[in-house]
Amino acid sequence: SQSSPSETLHPASNTLNPASETLHPTPQTLHPAPASFLIGGSGDIWCAADIFRMIRETGVQLVSVARGCIGNPWIFRQARAMMAGDLEAATRPPTIGQQREVLLDHFQLSVDQHGEKKAGMMMRKFGIKFSRHHPQGPEIARAFIAVKSLDDWRRVLDANYLNLDAPGVLADMTTGPRMNGCEEESCEGQVVEEGCAT
């Protein structure tokens, strides 16, 4: 099938006041485009709920997750669950085993791309993001900060990611001080929370 042309908009937050709301333009405020031209949005997407909030509030047909999936690849599974109406799956955090598997794969991919020394330095920030899904998040984050090699990475996992069937936690993946709805709207509303959802 032939794909439709599209454009994704990424409005900037107020750089002088990071806690301020980002103003999202709506397709109606933009230059008229053919009906076959799809307009997407990006920015402030930190959980599956935010995807559908943007669609509801702006009328865009596409949403780009971007930084919202860093440390939270489960956001896509959660979004699909929300689309299917499975709110239980949409708000289910990743298990410790699921987290361990992704953490191992991510580090190995980074090693393959950059070499172990560079990967050891680069992966610290990703480990910190992933740690938000762990019940002992702050402690796990501190352990990832000390990582310098694949062996260090594995030692963190062996020490903290052994109870594979244990549930993780619903994590707040926002990077700034402002909460943007992930914990304020519930399953009973039009949006689901996850950390907001996995």
Protein backbone atom coordinates (compact mmCIF):
# COMPACT_ATOMS: atom_id res chain seq x y z
CA SER A 1 0.00 0.00 0.00
CA GLN A 2 1.11 3.57 -0.64
CA SER A 3 1.87 5.70 2.40
CA SER A 4 0.39 9.16 2.86
CA PRO A 5 2.53 12.29 3.14
CA SER A 6 2.79 13.62 6.67
CA GLU A 7 4.36 16.28 8.86
CA THR A 8 5.09 16.14 12.60
CA LEU A 9 4.94 19.26 14.77
CA HIS A 10 7.03 19.62 17.91
CA PRO A 11 6.11 22.82 19.78
CA ALA A 12 8.71 24.11 22.23
CA SER A 13 8.08 24.69 25.91
CA ASN A 14 8.73 28.10 27.43
CA THR A 15 12.51 27.91 27.96
CA LEU A 16 12.35 30.63 30.63
CA ASN A 17 9.79 28.65 32.60
CA PRO A 18 10.20 24.87 32.16
CA ALA A 19 7.25 24.24 34.45
CA SER A 20 4.86 26.01 32.07
CA GLU A 21 2.45 24.16 29.84
CA THR A 22 3.53 23.53 26.27
CA LEU A 23 1.05 25.04 23.85
CA HIS A 24 0.17 22.59 21.11
CA PRO A 25 -1.21 24.00 17.86
CA THR A 26 -4.17 22.22 16.33
CA PRO A 27 -4.40 21.17 12.68
CA GLN A 28 -7.13 23.80 12.27
CA THR A 29 -4.67 26.60 13.13
CA LEU A 30 -2.16 25.47 10.51
CA HIS A 31 -2.02 26.19 6.80
CA PRO A 32 -4.76 24.17 5.08
CA ALA A 33 -3.53 20.81 3.79
CA PRO A 34 -5.11 18.16 1.56
CA ALA A 35 -7.24 15.59 3.37
CA SER A 36 -4.71 12.90 2.47
CA PHE A 37 -1.91 14.82 4.25
CA LEU A 38 -1.46 13.52 7.80
CA ILE A 39 -0.43 15.86 10.62
CA GLY A 40 1.39 14.44 13.63
CA GLY A 41 2.41 15.84 16.97
CA SER A 42 5.37 15.44 19.31
CA GLY A 43 6.46 16.78 22.67
CA ASP A 44 5.49 16.04 26.28
CA ILE A 45 4.77 12.39 25.50
CA TRP A 46 5.94 10.52 28.60
CA CYS A 47 3.38 7.74 28.86
CA ALA A 48 0.77 5.97 26.76
CA ALA A 49 -1.92 8.24 28.18
CA ASP A 50 -0.17 11.28 26.74
CA ILE A 51 -0.43 9.87 23.21
CA PHE A 52 -4.21 9.86 23.37
CA ARG A 53 -4.34 13.16 25.26
CA MET A 54 -2.50 14.82 22.38
CA ILE A 55 -4.82 13.27 19.82
CA ARG A 56 -7.87 14.34 21.82
CA GLU A 57 -6.68 17.89 22.51
CA THR A 58 -5.11 18.74 19.14
CA GLY A 59 -6.81 16.53 16.56
CA VAL A 60 -3.52 15.23 15.11
CA GLN A 61 -3.58 11.88 13.30
CA LEU A 62 -0.07 10.79 14.33
CA VAL A 63 1.94 11.05 17.55
CA SER A 64 5.72 10.71 17.84
CA VAL A 65 6.90 9.41 21.23
CA ALA A 66 10.59 10.45 20.95
CA ARG A 67 12.25 10.85 24.38
CA GLY A 68 9.25 9.31 26.10
CA CYS A 69 10.43 5.82 25.21
CA ILE A 70 13.91 6.26 26.70
CA GLY A 71 13.91 3.86 29.62
CA ASN A 72 10.33 2.91 28.83
CA PRO A 73 10.07 0.83 25.64
CA TRP A 74 6.86 -0.64 27.07
CA ILE A 75 5.02 2.57 26.20
CA PHE A 76 4.23 1.15 22.76
CA ARG A 77 2.77 -2.06 24.15
CA GLN A 78 0.73 -0.01 26.59
CA ALA A 79 -0.57 2.21 23.81
CA ARG A 80 -1.67 -0.82 21.81
CA ALA A 81 -3.42 -2.18 24.90
CA MET A 82 -5.24 1.12 25.36
CA MET A 83 -6.36 1.05 21.74
CA ALA A 84 -7.70 -2.47 22.30
CA GLY A 85 -9.56 -1.36 25.42
CA ASP A 86 -7.47 -3.57 27.72
CA LEU A 87 -6.96 -1.13 30.58
CA GLU A 88 -5.48 -3.79 32.87
CA ALA A 89 -2.66 -4.47 30.39
CA ALA A 90 -2.30 -0.76 29.69
CA THR A 91 -1.52 -0.04 33.34
CA ARG A 92 0.56 -3.14 34.08
CA PRO A 93 4.20 -2.33 34.91
CA PRO A 94 6.96 -4.46 33.41
CA THR A 95 8.05 -7.38 35.54
CA ILE A 96 11.58 -7.57 36.92
CA GLY A 97 12.28 -10.27 34.35
CA GLN A 98 11.06 -8.11 31.47
CA GLN A 99 13.21 -5.26 32.70
CA ARG A 100 16.27 -7.50 32.99
CA GLU A 101 15.85 -8.83 29.46
CA VAL A 102 15.59 -5.36 27.96
CA LEU A 103 18.52 -4.05 30.01
CA LEU A 104 20.77 -6.88 28.82
CA ASP A 105 19.71 -6.47 25.19
CA HIS A 106 20.13 -2.68 25.31
CA PHE A 107 23.65 -2.85 26.68
CA GLN A 108 24.72 -5.50 24.18
CA LEU A 109 23.34 -3.46 21.29
CA SER A 110 25.28 -0.45 22.54
CA VAL A 111 28.45 -2.55 22.79
CA ASP A 112 27.94 -3.79 19.22
CA GLN A 113 27.52 -0.20 18.02
CA HIS A 114 30.07 1.70 20.11
CA GLY A 115 32.40 -0.80 21.77
CA GLU A 116 32.33 -1.80 25.43
CA LYS A 117 34.25 1.16 26.87
CA LYS A 118 32.04 3.81 25.29
CA ALA A 119 28.91 1.76 25.91
CA GLY A 120 29.83 1.48 29.58
CA MET A 121 29.82 5.26 29.87
CA MET A 122 26.78 5.89 27.67
CA MET A 123 24.51 3.29 29.26
CA ARG A 124 24.61 4.81 32.73
CA LYS A 125 21.96 7.40 31.85
CA PHE A 126 19.73 4.72 30.36
CA GLY A 127 20.12 2.54 33.44
CA ILE A 128 19.03 5.47 35.59
CA LYS A 129 15.89 5.90 33.48
CA PHE A 130 15.12 2.18 33.56
CA SER A 131 15.58 2.11 37.34
CA ARG A 132 12.36 4.07 37.76
CA HIS A 133 10.45 0.86 37.02
CA HIS A 134 12.18 -0.99 39.87
CA PRO A 135 10.71 -1.03 43.42
CA GLN A 136 14.12 0.09 44.75
CA GLY A 137 14.58 2.71 42.06
CA PRO A 138 16.94 5.20 43.80
CA GLU A 139 19.23 2.41 45.00
CA ILE A 140 19.31 0.83 41.53
CA ALA A 141 20.05 4.21 39.93
CA ARG A 142 23.08 4.66 42.17
CA ALA A 143 24.32 1.20 41.17
CA PHE A 144 24.01 2.03 37.47
CA ILE A 145 25.96 5.26 37.93
CA ALA A 146 29.02 3.19 38.89
CA VAL A 147 28.87 0.99 35.77
CA LYS A 148 31.92 1.04 33.48
CA SER A 149 31.70 -2.28 31.65
CA LEU A 150 29.34 -5.05 30.58
CA ASP A 151 30.48 -7.08 33.58
CA ASP A 152 29.53 -4.18 35.89
CA TRP A 153 26.15 -3.96 34.18
CA ARG A 154 25.55 -7.68 34.64
CA ARG A 155 26.54 -7.47 38.31
CA VAL A 156 23.87 -4.81 38.87
CA LEU A 157 21.31 -7.04 37.19
CA ASP A 158 22.42 -10.16 39.08
CA ALA A 159 22.15 -8.31 42.37
CA ASN A 160 18.81 -6.60 41.74
CA TYR A 161 16.93 -8.29 38.90
CA LEU A 162 16.75 -11.94 40.00
CA ASN A 163 13.09 -12.27 41.04
CA LEU A 164 11.96 -12.43 37.43
CA ASP A 165 8.21 -12.75 38.06
CA ALA A 166 8.07 -9.89 40.56
CA PRO A 167 6.16 -6.83 39.36
CA GLY A 168 7.82 -3.52 38.68
CA VAL A 169 6.27 -0.18 39.54
CA LEU A 170 4.36 2.41 37.56
CA ALA A 171 7.10 4.92 36.85
CA ASP A 172 6.99 8.66 36.34
CA MET A 173 9.14 9.16 33.24
CA THR A 174 8.84 12.94 33.05
CA THR A 175 12.20 14.69 32.94
CA GLY A 176 11.23 18.07 34.35
CA PRO A 177 9.52 19.25 37.51
CA ARG A 178 6.10 19.47 35.87
CA MET A 179 3.76 16.49 35.91
CA ASN A 180 1.87 16.27 32.64
CA GLY A 181 -1.15 14.16 33.37
CA CYS A 182 0.35 10.69 33.73
CA GLU A 183 -0.60 10.46 37.38
CA GLU A 184 -3.55 12.79 37.34
CA GLU A 185 -5.91 10.91 35.04
CA SER A 186 -7.22 7.45 35.77
CA CYS A 187 -8.56 4.45 33.93
CA GLU A 188 -12.05 5.74 34.53
CA GLY A 189 -11.29 8.82 32.46
CA GLN A 190 -10.41 9.00 28.80
CA VAL A 191 -6.75 8.51 29.60
CA VAL A 192 -4.91 5.75 31.41
CA GLU A 193 -1.96 6.22 33.71
CA GLU A 194 1.28 4.27 33.47
CA GLY A 195 4.08 5.37 34.47
CA CYS A 196 1.62 5.80 32.85
CA ALA A 197 1.05 2.33 31.38
CA THR A 198 3.02 -0.78 30.36
